C-alpha atoms as a PDB file:
ATOM      1  CA  MET A   1      99.897 -71.453 -60.338  1.00  0.00           C
ATOM      2  CA  ARG A   2      97.728 -69.113 -58.292  1.00  0.00           C
ATOM      3  CA  ASN A   3      99.072 -65.768 -57.296  1.00  0.00           C
ATOM      4  CA  SER A   4      99.351 -65.662 -53.497  1.00  0.00           C
ATOM      5  CA  LYS A   5      97.976 -62.109 -53.379  1.00  0.00           C
ATOM      6  CA  ASN A   6      94.938 -63.257 -55.388  1.00  0.00           C
ATOM      7  CA  ALA A   7      94.506 -66.296 -53.110  1.00  0.00           C
ATOM      8  CA  ASP A   8      94.663 -64.036 -50.035  1.00  0.00           C
ATOM      9  CA  SER A   9      92.042 -61.779 -51.577  1.00  0.00           C
ATOM     10  CA  ILE A  10      89.741 -64.724 -52.275  1.00  0.00           C
ATOM     11  CA  ASP A  11      90.271 -66.085 -48.742  1.00  0.00           C
ATOM     12  CA  CYS A  12      89.536 -62.649 -47.292  1.00  0.00           C
ATOM     13  CA  GLU A  13      86.336 -62.257 -49.333  1.00  0.00           C
ATOM     14  CA  LYS A  14      85.142 -65.727 -48.312  1.00  0.00           C
ATOM     15  CA  CYS A  15      85.954 -65.024 -44.655  1.00  0.00           C
ATOM     16  CA  ILE A  16      84.021 -61.748 -44.747  1.00  0.00           C
ATOM     17  CA  MET A  17      81.041 -63.405 -46.470  1.00  0.00           C
ATOM     18  CA  LEU A  18      80.872 -66.172 -43.846  1.00  0.00           C
ATOM     19  CA  VAL A  19      81.236 -63.715 -40.946  1.00  0.00           C
ATOM     20  CA  LYS A  20      78.417 -61.615 -42.439  1.00  0.00           C
ATOM     21  CA  ASP A  21      76.254 -64.760 -42.762  1.00  0.00           C
ATOM     22  CA  SER A  22      76.895 -65.563 -39.092  1.00  0.00           C
ATOM     23  CA  LEU A  23      76.134 -62.027 -37.967  1.00  0.00           C
ATOM     24  CA  GLU A  24      72.902 -62.019 -39.953  1.00  0.00           C
ATOM     25  CA  VAL A  25      71.658 -65.002 -37.944  1.00  0.00           C
ATOM     26  CA  LEU A  26      73.000 -63.792 -34.584  1.00  0.00           C
ATOM     27  CA  ASN A  27      72.425 -60.055 -35.037  1.00  0.00           C
ATOM     28  CA  GLY A  28      71.101 -57.788 -32.347  1.00  0.00           C
ATOM     29  CA  LYS A  29      71.519 -57.295 -28.669  1.00  0.00           C
ATOM     30  CA  TRP A  30      69.629 -60.354 -27.410  1.00  0.00           C
ATOM     31  CA  LYS A  31      70.192 -63.467 -29.562  1.00  0.00           C
ATOM     32  CA  LEU A  32      73.530 -64.524 -28.093  1.00  0.00           C
ATOM     33  CA  PRO A  33      72.406 -63.851 -24.503  1.00  0.00           C
ATOM     34  CA  ILE A  34      69.279 -65.972 -25.157  1.00  0.00           C
ATOM     35  CA  LEU A  35      71.445 -68.793 -26.489  1.00  0.00           C
ATOM     36  CA  ALA A  36      73.778 -68.421 -23.491  1.00  0.00           C
ATOM     37  CA  SER A  37      70.783 -68.683 -21.147  1.00  0.00           C
ATOM     38  CA  LEU A  38      69.583 -71.872 -22.831  1.00  0.00           C
ATOM     39  CA  LYS A  39      73.100 -73.354 -22.880  1.00  0.00           C
ATOM     40  CA  PHE A  40      72.715 -74.268 -19.202  1.00  0.00           C
ATOM     41  CA  SER A  41      69.192 -75.725 -19.278  1.00  0.00           C
ATOM     42  CA  ASN A  42      65.859 -75.793 -21.069  1.00  0.00           C
ATOM     43  CA  LYS A  43      63.667 -72.934 -19.928  1.00  0.00           C
ATOM     44  CA  ARG A  44      60.226 -71.440 -20.098  1.00  0.00           C
ATOM     45  CA  PHE A  45      59.637 -67.962 -21.527  1.00  0.00           C
ATOM     46  CA  LYS A  46      59.530 -66.175 -18.151  1.00  0.00           C
ATOM     47  CA  HIS A  47      62.715 -67.888 -16.962  1.00  0.00           C
ATOM     48  CA  ILE A  48      64.569 -66.660 -20.051  1.00  0.00           C
ATOM     49  CA  SER A  49      63.094 -63.201 -19.522  1.00  0.00           C
ATOM     50  CA  ARG A  50      64.359 -63.162 -15.917  1.00  0.00           C
ATOM     51  CA  ASP A  51      67.849 -64.190 -17.050  1.00  0.00           C
ATOM     52  CA  LEU A  52      67.954 -61.297 -19.530  1.00  0.00           C
ATOM     53  CA  ASN A  53      67.369 -58.238 -17.427  1.00  0.00           C
ATOM     54  CA  GLY A  54      65.888 -55.472 -19.590  1.00  0.00           C
ATOM     55  CA  ILE A  55      64.374 -57.441 -22.479  1.00  0.00           C
ATOM     56  CA  THR A  56      60.683 -56.859 -23.220  1.00  0.00           C
ATOM     57  CA  ASP A  57      58.284 -59.755 -23.778  1.00  0.00           C
ATOM     58  CA  LYS A  58      57.637 -58.507 -27.325  1.00  0.00           C
ATOM     59  CA  ILE A  59      61.348 -58.516 -28.228  1.00  0.00           C
ATOM     60  CA  LEU A  60      61.966 -61.864 -26.509  1.00  0.00           C
ATOM     61  CA  SER A  61      59.100 -63.416 -28.457  1.00  0.00           C
ATOM     62  CA  LYS A  62      60.458 -62.023 -31.751  1.00  0.00           C
ATOM     63  CA  GLU A  63      64.005 -63.192 -31.034  1.00  0.00           C
ATOM     64  CA  LEU A  64      62.853 -66.689 -30.001  1.00  0.00           C
ATOM     65  CA  LYS A  65      60.879 -67.017 -33.261  1.00  0.00           C
ATOM     66  CA  GLU A  66      63.942 -66.016 -35.300  1.00  0.00           C
ATOM     67  CA  LEU A  67      66.199 -68.428 -33.408  1.00  0.00           C
ATOM     68  CA  GLU A  68      63.659 -71.200 -33.958  1.00  0.00           C
ATOM     69  CA  MET A  69      63.421 -70.343 -37.669  1.00  0.00           C
ATOM     70  CA  ASN A  70      67.223 -70.715 -37.891  1.00  0.00           C
ATOM     71  CA  GLN A  71      66.983 -74.085 -36.100  1.00  0.00           C
ATOM     72  CA  LEU A  72      69.097 -72.942 -33.154  1.00  0.00           C
ATOM     73  CA  ILE A  73      66.349 -73.544 -30.589  1.00  0.00           C
ATOM     74  CA  LYS A  74      63.337 -75.820 -30.353  1.00  0.00           C
ATOM     75  CA  ARG A  75      59.991 -74.721 -28.939  1.00  0.00           C
ATOM     76  CA  THR A  76      57.943 -77.482 -27.321  1.00  0.00           C
ATOM     77  CA  VAL A  77      54.309 -76.941 -26.339  1.00  0.00           C
ATOM     78  CA  TYR A  78      52.913 -79.306 -23.709  1.00  0.00           C
ATOM     79  CA  ASP A  79      49.232 -80.175 -23.573  1.00  0.00           C
ATOM     80  CA  THR A  80      48.500 -78.724 -20.151  1.00  0.00           C
ATOM     81  CA  PHE A  81      46.105 -76.078 -18.927  1.00  0.00           C
ATOM     82  CA  PRO A  82      47.262 -73.439 -19.447  1.00  0.00           C
ATOM     83  CA  PRO A  83      49.664 -74.684 -22.137  1.00  0.00           C
ATOM     84  CA  THR A  84      53.285 -74.986 -21.032  1.00  0.00           C
ATOM     85  CA  VAL A  85      55.958 -73.908 -23.523  1.00  0.00           C
ATOM     86  CA  ASN A  86      59.582 -74.913 -23.136  1.00  0.00           C
ATOM     87  CA  TYR A  87      62.625 -73.712 -25.117  1.00  0.00           C
ATOM     88  CA  ALA A  88      65.807 -75.715 -25.653  1.00  0.00           C
ATOM     89  CA  LEU A  89      68.932 -75.501 -27.758  1.00  0.00           C
ATOM     90  CA  THR A  90      68.999 -77.819 -30.731  1.00  0.00           C
ATOM     91  CA  GLU A  91      72.112 -79.762 -31.709  1.00  0.00           C
ATOM     92  CA  HIS A  92      72.751 -76.972 -34.223  1.00  0.00           C
ATOM     93  CA  GLY A  93      72.341 -74.431 -31.409  1.00  0.00           C
ATOM     94  CA  HIS A  94      74.891 -76.320 -29.310  1.00  0.00           C
ATOM     95  CA  SER A  95      77.365 -75.913 -32.184  1.00  0.00           C
ATOM     96  CA  LEU A  96      77.671 -72.315 -30.907  1.00  0.00           C
ATOM     97  CA  ASP A  97      78.840 -73.424 -27.425  1.00  0.00           C
ATOM     98  CA  SER A  98      82.505 -72.751 -28.240  1.00  0.00           C
ATOM     99  CA  VAL A  99      81.592 -69.346 -29.737  1.00  0.00           C
ATOM    100  CA  ILE A 100      79.672 -68.386 -26.587  1.00  0.00           C
ATOM    101  CA  LEU A 101      82.537 -69.599 -24.381  1.00  0.00           C
ATOM    102  CA  ALA A 102      85.068 -67.617 -26.454  1.00  0.00           C
ATOM    103  CA  LEU A 103      82.903 -64.479 -26.188  1.00  0.00           C
ATOM    104  CA  LYS A 104      82.590 -65.002 -22.422  1.00  0.00           C
ATOM    105  CA  VAL A 105      86.365 -65.318 -21.998  1.00  0.00           C
ATOM    106  CA  TRP A 106      87.071 -62.361 -24.285  1.00  0.00           C
ATOM    107  CA  GLY A 107      84.385 -60.267 -22.575  1.00  0.00           C
ATOM    108  CA  GLY A 108      85.970 -60.948 -19.183  1.00  0.00           C
ATOM    109  CA  SER A 109      89.443 -59.953 -20.328  1.00  0.00           C
ATOM    110  CA  HIS A 110      88.102 -56.902 -22.193  1.00  0.00           C
ATOM    111  CA  ARG A 111      86.142 -55.764 -19.129  1.00  0.00           C
ATOM    112  CA  LYS A 112      89.271 -56.160 -16.999  1.00  0.00           C
ATOM    113  CA  LYS A 113      91.398 -54.200 -19.483  1.00  0.00           C
ATOM    114  CA  ILE A 114      88.896 -51.355 -19.958  1.00  0.00           C
ATOM    115  CA  ILE A 115      87.200 -51.127 -16.569  1.00  0.00           C
ATOM    116  CA  GLY A 116      89.775 -52.836 -14.392  1.00  0.00           C
ATOM    117  CA  LYS A 117      87.243 -55.244 -12.839  1.00  0.00           C
END
């Protein structure tokens, strides 16, 4: 029979490992806001940039590449002149919808508690 303290320790270690894995993919200031922007509709680069006040084109490009590499977004290039590029959440990206909603709700209650607004 497993010792409950040992089982708790194993559960804790596994929880921490999985949280660290998640944070590695979603790290930084911009990845979750990018995903939140794309949650509502597919967008072009400049539309995402406008949604995220303060992000540079260089950082947005880097973050989009990392999100694409982790299969959270899909980049589609259309054969137009000049080429049109569209970004969309993948099915895997949509698996974060509940996480983004939970962060939105928590952020609202935290803001109200700390700032009073």
